[in-house]
Structures are given as structure tokens and as C-alpha cells.
Amino acid sequence: MFNIGPMELILILIVALIIFGPAKLPEIGNALGKTLREFKKASDDLTQEFTRELYSEAEQKPGSSQQAASFTEEAKNMEQSEGGEERGRLKEDSGSSGEKPLAG
């Protein structure tokens, strides 16, 4: 994601130690860990909500039982996958209706 090697990480830790001191470093680490956990939880919740909405929309369309089954299978795969590979495949499948993908 950021391509930070071991030398860069050591340099960042030394600078943080100099700036904040040894007494504040554990507090900062705890706060950072809590923030990352909350962000991951919120991201997972949003993904699950999106998947449920996608499934319910596919289920409501007449004659789309095969598509609903496909979305169900994708949703199960997404919940089991932690790498996000299935999320990309789901995005590609849902974007095949002629819509242009967002740049990014």
C-alpha cells in the first residue's frame, strides 16, 4: 500500500521517539491502533450493507433469480475474503451494464 521498508519504518519510529518522548509513545500507539480497528470495522460494515442492498435489489427484479444467486455467491465470497480480491470482481460484474467505471 505505502511501500514502507524496514529502514523507513525505523526512521519514522526514531523521529516519533524524539518528538513525543518515550512516555507518550505507548499512548499514541494505543490511540492509533483503536483508530485503525474502528476504521476497519466501519469499512467492513459498509461493505456488508452494500452487499445486502445489492442482493435485495437483484432479488426484487422479476426473472433475475440467476442474478440473485450470483450476487449471493459473491456476497459469501466477499465475507470470507480478507484480501478484497472478490470485491474487485463484484465491482467488475456489476459494471458490465454499459456504465463507465469511476476514474481512480
N, C-alpha and C. Protein backbone atom coordinates (compact mmCIF):
# COMPACT_ATOMS: atom_id res chain seq x y z
N MET A 1 0.82 -1.18 0.00
CA MET A 1 0.00 0.00 0.00
C MET A 1 0.86 1.25 0.00
N PHE A 2 1.76 1.38 0.95
CA PHE A 2 2.62 2.56 1.02
C PHE A 2 4.07 2.26 0.66
N ASN A 3 4.44 0.98 0.53
CA ASN A 3 5.79 0.56 0.21
C ASN A 3 6.81 1.14 1.20
N ILE A 4 6.54 0.99 2.47
CA ILE A 4 7.47 1.44 3.50
C ILE A 4 8.35 0.25 3.89
N GLY A 5 9.64 0.41 3.69
CA GLY A 5 10.58 -0.65 4.03
C GLY A 5 10.99 -0.57 5.49
N PRO A 6 11.81 -1.50 5.92
CA PRO A 6 12.23 -1.52 7.32
C PRO A 6 13.06 -0.29 7.72
N MET A 7 13.89 0.20 6.82
CA MET A 7 14.70 1.37 7.15
C MET A 7 13.83 2.61 7.33
N GLU A 8 12.83 2.77 6.47
CA GLU A 8 11.93 3.92 6.59
C GLU A 8 11.13 3.83 7.88
N LEU A 9 10.69 2.63 8.23
CA LEU A 9 9.93 2.43 9.46
C LEU A 9 10.76 2.77 10.69
N ILE A 10 12.01 2.35 10.69
CA ILE A 10 12.91 2.67 11.81
C ILE A 10 13.13 4.16 11.92
N LEU A 11 13.31 4.82 10.79
CA LEU A 11 13.48 6.27 10.78
C LEU A 11 12.25 6.99 11.33
N ILE A 12 11.06 6.54 10.92
CA ILE A 12 9.82 7.14 11.43
C ILE A 12 9.71 6.94 12.94
N LEU A 13 10.04 5.76 13.43
CA LEU A 13 9.97 5.49 14.86
C LEU A 13 10.96 6.34 15.65
N ILE A 14 12.16 6.53 15.12
CA ILE A 14 13.16 7.37 15.80
C ILE A 14 12.69 8.82 15.86
N VAL A 15 12.14 9.32 14.77
CA VAL A 15 11.63 10.70 14.76
C VAL A 15 10.47 10.84 15.74
N ALA A 16 9.57 9.86 15.77
CA ALA A 16 8.45 9.91 16.71
C ALA A 16 8.96 9.86 18.15
N LEU A 17 9.97 9.07 18.42
CA LEU A 17 10.53 8.99 19.76
C LEU A 17 11.15 10.33 20.17
N ILE A 18 11.85 10.97 19.25
CA ILE A 18 12.46 12.27 19.55
C ILE A 18 11.37 13.33 19.79
N ILE A 19 10.34 13.35 18.96
CA ILE A 19 9.30 14.38 19.07
C ILE A 19 8.43 14.17 20.30
N PHE A 20 7.92 12.97 20.51
CA PHE A 20 6.95 12.74 21.58
C PHE A 20 7.56 12.24 22.88
N GLY A 21 8.70 11.65 22.83
CA GLY A 21 9.33 11.14 24.04
C GLY A 21 8.84 9.74 24.36
N PRO A 22 9.59 9.04 25.20
CA PRO A 22 9.26 7.64 25.49
C PRO A 22 7.98 7.47 26.32
N ALA A 23 7.56 8.48 27.07
CA ALA A 23 6.36 8.34 27.90
C ALA A 23 5.07 8.40 27.06
N LYS A 24 5.05 9.20 26.03
CA LYS A 24 3.84 9.39 25.22
C LYS A 24 3.70 8.36 24.10
N LEU A 25 4.78 7.70 23.72
CA LEU A 25 4.74 6.78 22.59
C LEU A 25 3.73 5.64 22.76
N PRO A 26 3.66 4.96 23.91
CA PRO A 26 2.65 3.89 24.06
C PRO A 26 1.21 4.42 23.94
N GLU A 27 0.96 5.61 24.47
CA GLU A 27 -0.38 6.19 24.38
C GLU A 27 -0.76 6.46 22.92
N ILE A 28 0.20 6.99 22.17
CA ILE A 28 -0.04 7.28 20.76
C ILE A 28 -0.28 5.99 19.98
N GLY A 29 0.49 4.96 20.28
CA GLY A 29 0.32 3.66 19.63
C GLY A 29 -1.05 3.06 19.91
N ASN A 30 -1.51 3.16 21.17
CA ASN A 30 -2.84 2.64 21.52
C ASN A 30 -3.93 3.40 20.77
N ALA A 31 -3.81 4.72 20.73
CA ALA A 31 -4.82 5.54 20.04
C ALA A 31 -4.84 5.21 18.55
N LEU A 32 -3.66 5.05 17.96
CA LEU A 32 -3.58 4.71 16.54
C LEU A 32 -4.19 3.34 16.27
N GLY A 33 -3.92 2.37 17.13
CA GLY A 33 -4.49 1.04 16.98
C GLY A 33 -6.00 1.04 17.06
N LYS A 34 -6.55 1.78 18.03
CA LYS A 34 -8.00 1.87 18.17
C LYS A 34 -8.62 2.52 16.94
N THR A 35 -7.98 3.56 16.44
CA THR A 35 -8.49 4.25 15.26
C THR A 35 -8.52 3.32 14.06
N LEU A 36 -7.45 2.56 13.85
CA LEU A 36 -7.40 1.63 12.72
C LEU A 36 -8.44 0.53 12.85
N ARG A 37 -8.65 0.01 14.08
CA ARG A 37 -9.67 -1.01 14.30
C ARG A 37 -11.06 -0.47 13.98
N GLU A 38 -11.36 0.73 14.44
CA GLU A 38 -12.67 1.33 14.18
C GLU A 38 -12.87 1.58 12.69
N PHE A 39 -11.83 2.02 12.01
CA PHE A 39 -11.93 2.26 10.57
C PHE A 39 -12.19 0.95 9.83
N LYS A 40 -11.48 -0.10 10.20
CA LYS A 40 -11.67 -1.40 9.55
C LYS A 40 -13.08 -1.93 9.80
N LYS A 41 -13.57 -1.78 11.03
CA LYS A 41 -14.92 -2.23 11.36
C LYS A 41 -15.96 -1.46 10.56
N ALA A 42 -15.80 -0.15 10.46
CA ALA A 42 -16.74 0.66 9.69
C ALA A 42 -16.70 0.29 8.21
N SER A 43 -15.51 0.04 7.70
CA SER A 43 -15.36 -0.36 6.30
C SER A 43 -16.04 -1.71 6.04
N ASP A 44 -15.85 -2.66 6.94
CA ASP A 44 -16.49 -3.97 6.80
C ASP A 44 -18.01 -3.85 6.88
N ASP A 45 -18.50 -3.04 7.80
CA ASP A 45 -19.95 -2.83 7.93
C ASP A 45 -20.53 -2.23 6.66
N LEU A 46 -19.84 -1.26 6.10
CA LEU A 46 -20.30 -0.62 4.87
C LEU A 46 -20.32 -1.61 3.71
N THR A 47 -19.31 -2.46 3.63
CA THR A 47 -19.25 -3.47 2.58
C THR A 47 -20.40 -4.46 2.71
N GLN A 48 -20.68 -4.89 3.94
CA GLN A 48 -21.79 -5.82 4.15
C GLN A 48 -23.13 -5.18 3.82
N GLU A 49 -23.31 -3.92 4.20
CA GLU A 49 -24.56 -3.22 3.88
C GLU A 49 -24.74 -3.08 2.38
N PHE A 50 -23.67 -2.72 1.69
CA PHE A 50 -23.72 -2.60 0.23
C PHE A 50 -24.09 -3.93 -0.40
N THR A 51 -23.50 -5.01 0.08
CA THR A 51 -23.76 -6.34 -0.46
C THR A 51 -25.21 -6.73 -0.24
N ARG A 52 -25.74 -6.45 0.96
CA ARG A 52 -27.14 -6.77 1.24
C ARG A 52 -28.08 -5.98 0.32
N GLU A 53 -27.78 -4.70 0.11
CA GLU A 53 -28.61 -3.87 -0.77
C GLU A 53 -28.55 -4.39 -2.20
N LEU A 54 -27.38 -4.75 -2.65
CA LEU A 54 -27.21 -5.26 -4.00
C LEU A 54 -28.01 -6.55 -4.18
N TYR A 55 -27.95 -7.41 -3.17
CA TYR A 55 -28.68 -8.66 -3.22
C TYR A 55 -30.19 -8.42 -3.21
N SER A 56 -30.65 -7.51 -2.37
CA SER A 56 -32.09 -7.27 -2.29
C SER A 56 -32.62 -6.64 -3.57
N GLU A 57 -31.84 -5.78 -4.22
CA GLU A 57 -32.25 -5.20 -5.50
C GLU A 57 -32.33 -6.28 -6.58
N ALA A 58 -31.37 -7.18 -6.60
CA ALA A 58 -31.37 -8.25 -7.60
C ALA A 58 -32.53 -9.21 -7.36
N GLU A 59 -32.88 -9.40 -6.11
CA GLU A 59 -33.96 -10.32 -5.76
C GLU A 59 -35.32 -9.73 -6.13
N GLN A 60 -35.46 -8.41 -6.08
CA GLN A 60 -36.74 -7.76 -6.35
C GLN A 60 -37.06 -7.69 -7.84
N LYS A 61 -36.06 -7.75 -8.70
CA LYS A 61 -36.29 -7.67 -10.14
C LYS A 61 -36.91 -8.99 -10.62
N PRO A 62 -37.98 -8.92 -11.43
CA PRO A 62 -38.59 -10.16 -11.92
C PRO A 62 -37.67 -10.89 -12.90
N GLY A 63 -37.61 -12.20 -12.77
CA GLY A 63 -36.82 -13.01 -13.69
C GLY A 63 -35.33 -12.94 -13.45
N SER A 64 -34.91 -12.48 -12.30
CA SER A 64 -33.47 -12.34 -12.07
C SER A 64 -32.99 -13.27 -10.96
N SER A 65 -33.60 -14.43 -10.87
CA SER A 65 -33.21 -15.36 -9.82
C SER A 65 -31.78 -15.85 -10.01
N GLN A 66 -31.35 -16.00 -11.26
CA GLN A 66 -29.98 -16.42 -11.50
C GLN A 66 -29.01 -15.33 -11.08
N GLN A 67 -29.36 -14.07 -11.37
CA GLN A 67 -28.51 -12.95 -10.97
C GLN A 67 -28.47 -12.84 -9.45
N ALA A 68 -29.60 -13.06 -8.78
CA ALA A 68 -29.64 -13.01 -7.32
C ALA A 68 -28.77 -14.10 -6.73
N ALA A 69 -28.80 -15.29 -7.34
CA ALA A 69 -27.95 -16.38 -6.86
C ALA A 69 -26.48 -16.03 -7.05
N SER A 70 -26.18 -15.38 -8.17
CA SER A 70 -24.81 -14.95 -8.42
C SER A 70 -24.34 -13.95 -7.38
N PHE A 71 -25.22 -12.97 -7.06
CA PHE A 71 -24.87 -11.99 -6.05
C PHE A 71 -24.72 -12.63 -4.67
N THR A 72 -25.55 -13.62 -4.38
CA THR A 72 -25.44 -14.33 -3.10
C THR A 72 -24.09 -15.00 -2.99
N GLU A 73 -23.67 -15.67 -4.05
CA GLU A 73 -22.37 -16.34 -4.05
C GLU A 73 -21.24 -15.33 -3.89
N GLU A 74 -21.33 -14.20 -4.59
CA GLU A 74 -20.32 -13.15 -4.47
C GLU A 74 -20.28 -12.59 -3.05
N ALA A 75 -21.45 -12.41 -2.44
CA ALA A 75 -21.51 -11.88 -1.07
C ALA A 75 -20.84 -12.83 -0.10
N LYS A 76 -21.08 -14.12 -0.27
CA LYS A 76 -20.43 -15.10 0.61
C LYS A 76 -18.92 -15.07 0.44
N ASN A 77 -18.48 -14.96 -0.81
CA ASN A 77 -17.05 -14.90 -1.08
C ASN A 77 -16.42 -13.65 -0.48
N MET A 78 -17.14 -12.52 -0.56
CA MET A 78 -16.61 -11.27 -0.01
C MET A 78 -16.44 -11.35 1.49
N GLU A 79 -17.40 -11.96 2.18
CA GLU A 79 -17.33 -12.06 3.62
C GLU A 79 -16.17 -12.96 4.05
N GLN A 80 -15.86 -13.97 3.24
CA GLN A 80 -14.78 -14.89 3.57
C GLN A 80 -13.42 -14.33 3.18
N SER A 81 -13.41 -13.46 2.19
CA SER A 81 -12.15 -12.93 1.67
C SER A 81 -11.71 -11.73 2.49
N GLU A 82 -10.45 -11.70 2.88
CA GLU A 82 -9.93 -10.53 3.58
C GLU A 82 -9.05 -9.69 2.68
N GLY A 83 -8.64 -10.24 1.55
CA GLY A 83 -7.76 -9.51 0.64
C GLY A 83 -8.48 -8.55 -0.28
N GLY A 84 -9.78 -8.68 -0.40
CA GLY A 84 -10.54 -7.78 -1.24
C GLY A 84 -10.54 -8.16 -2.71
N GLU A 85 -10.02 -9.35 -3.07
CA GLU A 85 -9.98 -9.74 -4.47
C GLU A 85 -11.40 -9.95 -5.00
N GLU A 86 -12.28 -10.50 -4.19
CA GLU A 86 -13.65 -10.74 -4.62
C GLU A 86 -14.40 -9.44 -4.78
N ARG A 87 -14.06 -8.41 -4.01
CA ARG A 87 -14.72 -7.12 -4.13
C ARG A 87 -14.48 -6.53 -5.50
N GLY A 88 -13.26 -6.67 -6.00
CA GLY A 88 -12.93 -6.16 -7.32
C GLY A 88 -13.70 -6.90 -8.40
N ARG A 89 -13.84 -8.21 -8.24
CA ARG A 89 -14.58 -8.99 -9.22
C ARG A 89 -16.06 -8.63 -9.20
N LEU A 90 -16.62 -8.40 -8.03
CA LEU A 90 -18.01 -8.00 -7.92
C LEU A 90 -18.22 -6.65 -8.58
N LYS A 91 -17.27 -5.73 -8.40
CA LYS A 91 -17.37 -4.40 -9.00
C LYS A 91 -17.35 -4.52 -10.52
N GLU A 92 -16.50 -5.40 -11.05
CA GLU A 92 -16.42 -5.59 -12.49
C GLU A 92 -17.72 -6.18 -13.03
N ASP A 93 -18.27 -7.18 -12.32
CA ASP A 93 -19.50 -7.81 -12.77
C ASP A 93 -20.66 -6.83 -12.78
N SER A 94 -20.77 -6.01 -11.75
CA SER A 94 -21.89 -5.08 -11.67
C SER A 94 -21.72 -3.92 -12.64
N GLY A 95 -20.51 -3.63 -13.08
CA GLY A 95 -20.27 -2.54 -14.01
C GLY A 95 -20.39 -2.94 -15.46
N SER A 96 -20.80 -4.17 -15.76
CA SER A 96 -20.86 -4.63 -17.13
C SER A 96 -22.14 -4.22 -17.84
N SER A 97 -22.97 -3.38 -17.24
CA SER A 97 -24.23 -2.99 -17.85
C SER A 97 -24.09 -1.77 -18.74
N GLY A 98 -22.86 -1.43 -19.15
CA GLY A 98 -22.65 -0.32 -20.04
C GLY A 98 -22.28 0.96 -19.33
N GLU A 99 -22.22 0.93 -18.02
CA GLU A 99 -21.86 2.12 -17.26
C GLU A 99 -20.35 2.28 -17.29
N LYS A 100 -19.91 3.53 -17.29
CA LYS A 100 -18.49 3.79 -17.27
C LYS A 100 -18.00 3.69 -15.83
N PRO A 101 -16.86 3.03 -15.59
CA PRO A 101 -16.31 2.96 -14.23
C PRO A 101 -15.75 4.31 -13.82
N LEU A 102 -15.75 4.55 -12.51
CA LEU A 102 -15.19 5.78 -11.99
C LEU A 102 -13.68 5.76 -12.14
N ALA A 103 -13.10 6.91 -12.45
CA ALA A 103 -11.65 7.01 -12.58
C ALA A 103 -11.04 6.95 -11.21
N GLY A 104 -9.92 6.32 -11.08
CA GLY A 104 -9.30 6.33 -9.77
C GLY A 104 -8.34 5.30 -9.60
